[in-house]
Every structure is written in structure tokens, then in C-alpha cells.
Protein backbone atom coordinates (compact mmCIF):
# COMPACT_ATOMS: atom_id res chain seq x y z
CA UNK A 1 0.10 -0.06 -0.24
CA UNK A 2 1.40 3.44 -0.85
CA UNK A 3 4.47 1.95 -2.63
CA UNK A 4 7.05 4.69 -2.78
CA UNK A 5 5.27 6.98 -0.40
CA UNK A 6 4.06 5.46 2.97
CA UNK A 7 5.14 2.08 2.08
CA UNK A 8 7.55 -0.23 0.52
CA UNK A 9 7.69 -3.81 -0.53
CA UNK A 10 10.99 -4.16 1.14
CA UNK A 11 9.56 -3.26 4.56
CA UNK A 12 6.08 -4.80 5.14
CA UNK A 13 6.60 -6.14 8.52
CA UNK A 14 4.45 -4.64 11.53
CA UNK A 15 6.23 -4.75 14.91
CA UNK A 16 4.22 -5.37 17.99
CA UNK A 17 2.39 -2.12 19.39
CA UNK A 18 0.25 -1.51 22.36
CA UNK A 19 -3.58 -1.27 22.10
CA UNK A 20 -5.84 -0.19 25.06
CA UNK A 21 -9.30 0.73 25.61
CA UNK A 22 -9.99 4.16 26.81
CA UNK A 23 -13.23 5.91 28.23
CA UNK A 24 -14.08 7.22 24.79
CA UNK A 25 -12.63 4.45 22.41
CA UNK A 26 -9.41 2.70 21.61
CA UNK A 27 -5.78 3.81 21.68
CA UNK A 28 -2.81 2.27 19.77
CA UNK A 29 0.55 3.44 20.58
CA UNK A 30 4.18 2.37 19.40
CA UNK A 31 2.94 1.72 15.92
CA UNK A 32 6.04 1.95 13.52
CA UNK A 33 6.55 1.64 9.89
CA UNK A 34 9.33 2.36 7.48
CA UNK A 35 8.07 5.01 5.02
CA UNK A 36 9.98 6.25 1.74
CA UNK A 37 8.19 9.61 1.83
CA UNK A 38 6.32 10.14 5.05
CA UNK A 39 5.39 13.72 4.56
CA UNK A 40 6.00 16.64 2.39
CA UNK A 41 9.46 17.38 3.82
CA UNK A 42 10.80 14.18 4.02
CA UNK A 43 14.45 13.96 3.03
CA UNK A 44 14.83 10.15 3.04
CA UNK A 45 13.14 6.93 4.06
CA UNK A 46 12.31 6.94 7.88
CA UNK A 47 10.81 4.92 10.58
CA UNK A 48 7.68 6.65 11.56
CA UNK A 49 5.88 6.34 14.89
CA UNK A 50 2.13 6.51 14.90
CA UNK A 51 -0.50 6.77 17.37
CA UNK A 52 -4.10 5.95 16.44
CA UNK A 53 -6.81 7.02 18.80
CA UNK A 54 -10.43 6.31 18.22
CA UNK A 55 -12.22 9.26 20.17
CA UNK A 56 -15.75 8.22 19.30
CA UNK A 57 -17.53 5.67 17.05
CA UNK A 58 -16.95 7.54 14.01
CA UNK A 59 -14.09 9.72 14.95
CA UNK A 60 -10.31 9.04 14.99
CA UNK A 61 -6.89 10.91 15.42
CA UNK A 62 -3.78 9.76 13.79
CA UNK A 63 -0.36 11.35 15.15
CA UNK A 64 2.78 10.67 12.97
CA UNK A 65 6.42 11.46 14.12
CA UNK A 66 9.15 10.60 11.60
CA UNK A 67 12.57 9.57 13.14
CA UNK A 68 14.96 12.60 13.69
CA UNK A 69 17.08 13.72 10.78
CA UNK A 70 14.68 12.52 8.11
CA UNK A 71 12.37 15.46 7.68
CA UNK A 72 12.04 19.04 8.88
CA UNK A 73 13.26 19.68 12.32
CA UNK A 74 10.58 18.76 14.96
CA UNK A 75 8.03 17.64 12.28
CA UNK A 76 4.86 16.09 13.57
CA UNK A 77 1.44 15.83 12.29
CA UNK A 78 -1.92 14.99 13.26
CA UNK A 79 -4.74 13.90 11.01
CA UNK A 80 -8.33 13.95 12.35
CA UNK A 81 -10.98 11.94 10.48
CA UNK A 82 -14.61 12.57 10.98
CA UNK A 83 -16.90 9.92 9.42
CA UNK A 84 -20.63 10.44 9.06
CA UNK A 85 -22.43 7.17 7.77
CA UNK A 86 -24.89 7.83 5.15
CA UNK A 87 -26.21 4.39 4.42
CA UNK A 88 -25.24 1.11 5.98
CA UNK A 89 -22.51 0.75 3.24
CA UNK A 90 -21.43 4.22 2.61
CA UNK A 91 -20.08 7.17 4.55
CA UNK A 92 -18.72 10.77 4.06
CA UNK A 93 -15.40 11.40 5.52
CA UNK A 94 -14.02 14.83 6.47
CA UNK A 95 -10.17 15.18 6.99
CA UNK A 96 -8.39 17.85 9.16
CA UNK A 97 -4.51 17.93 9.00
CA UNK A 98 -2.62 19.79 11.84
CA UNK A 99 1.03 20.57 11.33
CA UNK A 100 3.29 23.55 12.39
CA UNK A 101 4.33 24.18 8.79
CA UNK A 102 4.32 27.85 7.83
CA UNK A 103 6.30 27.52 4.82
CA UNK A 104 4.36 25.07 2.51
CA UNK A 105 1.20 26.42 0.81
CA UNK A 106 -2.24 24.95 1.53
CA UNK A 107 -2.10 23.70 -2.04
CA UNK A 108 1.19 21.71 -1.46
CA UNK A 109 0.04 20.14 1.85
CA UNK A 110 -3.47 19.40 0.25
CA UNK A 111 -1.61 17.67 -2.80
CA UNK A 112 0.47 15.43 -0.82
CA UNK A 113 -2.50 14.39 1.49
CA UNK A 114 -4.68 13.86 -1.66
CA UNK A 115 -2.09 11.61 -3.08
CA UNK A 116 -2.47 9.22 -0.19
CA UNK A 117 -6.11 9.38 0.14
CA UNK A 118 -6.57 8.68 -3.68
CA UNK A 119 -4.52 5.49 -3.00
CA UNK A 120 -6.64 4.44 0.01
CA UNK A 121 -10.05 5.04 -1.73
CA UNK A 122 -10.17 2.03 -4.10
CA UNK A 123 -8.94 -0.29 -1.13
CA UNK A 124 -11.70 0.96 1.10
CA UNK A 125 -14.33 0.71 -1.43
CA UNK A 126 -13.44 -2.76 -2.44
CA UNK A 127 -13.67 -4.12 1.00
CA UNK A 128 -16.01 -7.20 1.19
CA UNK A 129 -18.30 -7.47 3.11
CA UNK A 130 -19.42 -3.86 2.83
CA UNK A 131 -20.62 -3.72 6.35
CA UNK A 132 -18.00 -4.14 8.90
CA UNK A 133 -18.10 -7.54 10.68
CA UNK A 134 -17.98 -7.45 14.48
CA UNK A 135 -17.66 -10.97 15.12
CA UNK A 136 -14.10 -11.88 15.28
CA UNK A 137 -14.73 -15.29 13.58
CA UNK A 138 -16.19 -13.49 10.40
CA UNK A 139 -12.60 -12.73 9.11
CA UNK A 140 -8.97 -14.05 9.25
CA UNK A 141 -6.97 -11.61 11.54
CA UNK A 142 -3.16 -11.16 12.03
CA UNK A 143 -1.33 -9.60 14.97
CA UNK A 144 -1.10 -6.29 12.76
CA UNK A 145 -5.08 -6.20 13.15
CA UNK A 146 -5.06 -5.79 16.85
CA UNK A 147 -6.26 -1.98 16.55
CA UNK A 148 -8.96 -3.08 14.07
CA UNK A 149 -10.00 -5.83 16.27
CA UNK A 150 -10.35 -3.53 19.45
CA UNK A 151 -12.17 -1.17 17.54
CA UNK A 152 -14.81 -3.70 16.52
CA UNK A 153 -15.00 -4.82 20.17
CA UNK A 154 -15.64 -1.07 21.17
CA UNK A 155 -18.43 -0.85 18.53
CA UNK A 156 -19.93 -3.95 19.82
CA UNK A 157 -19.88 -2.70 23.53
CA UNK A 158 -21.36 0.55 22.44
CA UNK A 159 -24.11 -1.45 20.46
CA UNK A 160 -23.28 0.39 17.20
CA UNK A 161 -25.24 -1.77 14.54
CA UNK A 162 -25.59 0.79 11.87
CA UNK A 163 -23.02 -0.18 8.95
CA UNK A 164 -21.88 -3.45 10.85
CA UNK A 165 -22.78 -7.17 10.62
């Protein structure tokens, strides 16, 4: 996924990371991935540390921090995703990017993020089944799916049924 940008066929392994339940959702910390071009200011491939936080059933915050020396000094970004289910199989997504970048234009930042999301879109839209299975036996899971599994347990505990199966 995201070959040459946020991913590489040479670096597909996902190390163990921590997942915990919170009062509002789920938190995954210590998530790391090697990324050839992790952000607009990347100067080389980097190991990037992620934090994923589900703050409500349809809201998530992603924090990315590349390793020192591979990007603009002190670079850190946060992406907020706000999802509005429209039908059981379709949703509208709003995206907010927060960075301390006063040199790049809005257009440059938007172009980079658009490149990534255009790559995500066909993957998301081709998922089967279209509704999200909450029963862990409905799909084959791997260790890298720990956050997804925790999110599904959270939805089930919250009795979220719209868009799930």
C-alpha cells in the first residue's frame, strides 16, 4: 500500500504495538512503519511512529512522528478523521490536518494528502463484506489487526449496529 510513499515492498513487517481501551474508544501506541516519503518535507526513508486514537465511534486521530533527521526539524502531524455514515454501506469523511508548517502552501499540503487518500479510496471501497463484521470469527486476523479488532469490540460494546454485521 502506498508504494514509494508511505510503504515499500521491502519493509512490510509490522512490529508489536500496544492497544488499550479508553473511556471514549481505543488507543494504539508504538505503531511503527518504514516510509520512503512520510511527509511533504521528507529527505529520506524513515521509521515513523504512529499513534492511532478512536475518540468516538466515527472519529479518529492519527499522530505521525518521523525519526529525527529524516524530515523538517521537529516535524509532527496530526490527522483527524470525522466519519458520517450515510447508508449502511457508504460514509462521508471529513479530514483535518494539523502541522506546524508555515512555509508550505495549503495547495502543497493538500496535494500530498490527496495523493495518499486517492490510493486509500479503491482499497476501502473494495472491502467485502461492505458492512463491518463485528464477530472476530467472520474474518482472518493477524497481529497487525489488533487495533481493528479492538475497534470492533468497542463498536459492539457501544451497541453500534448501523453499517456493521
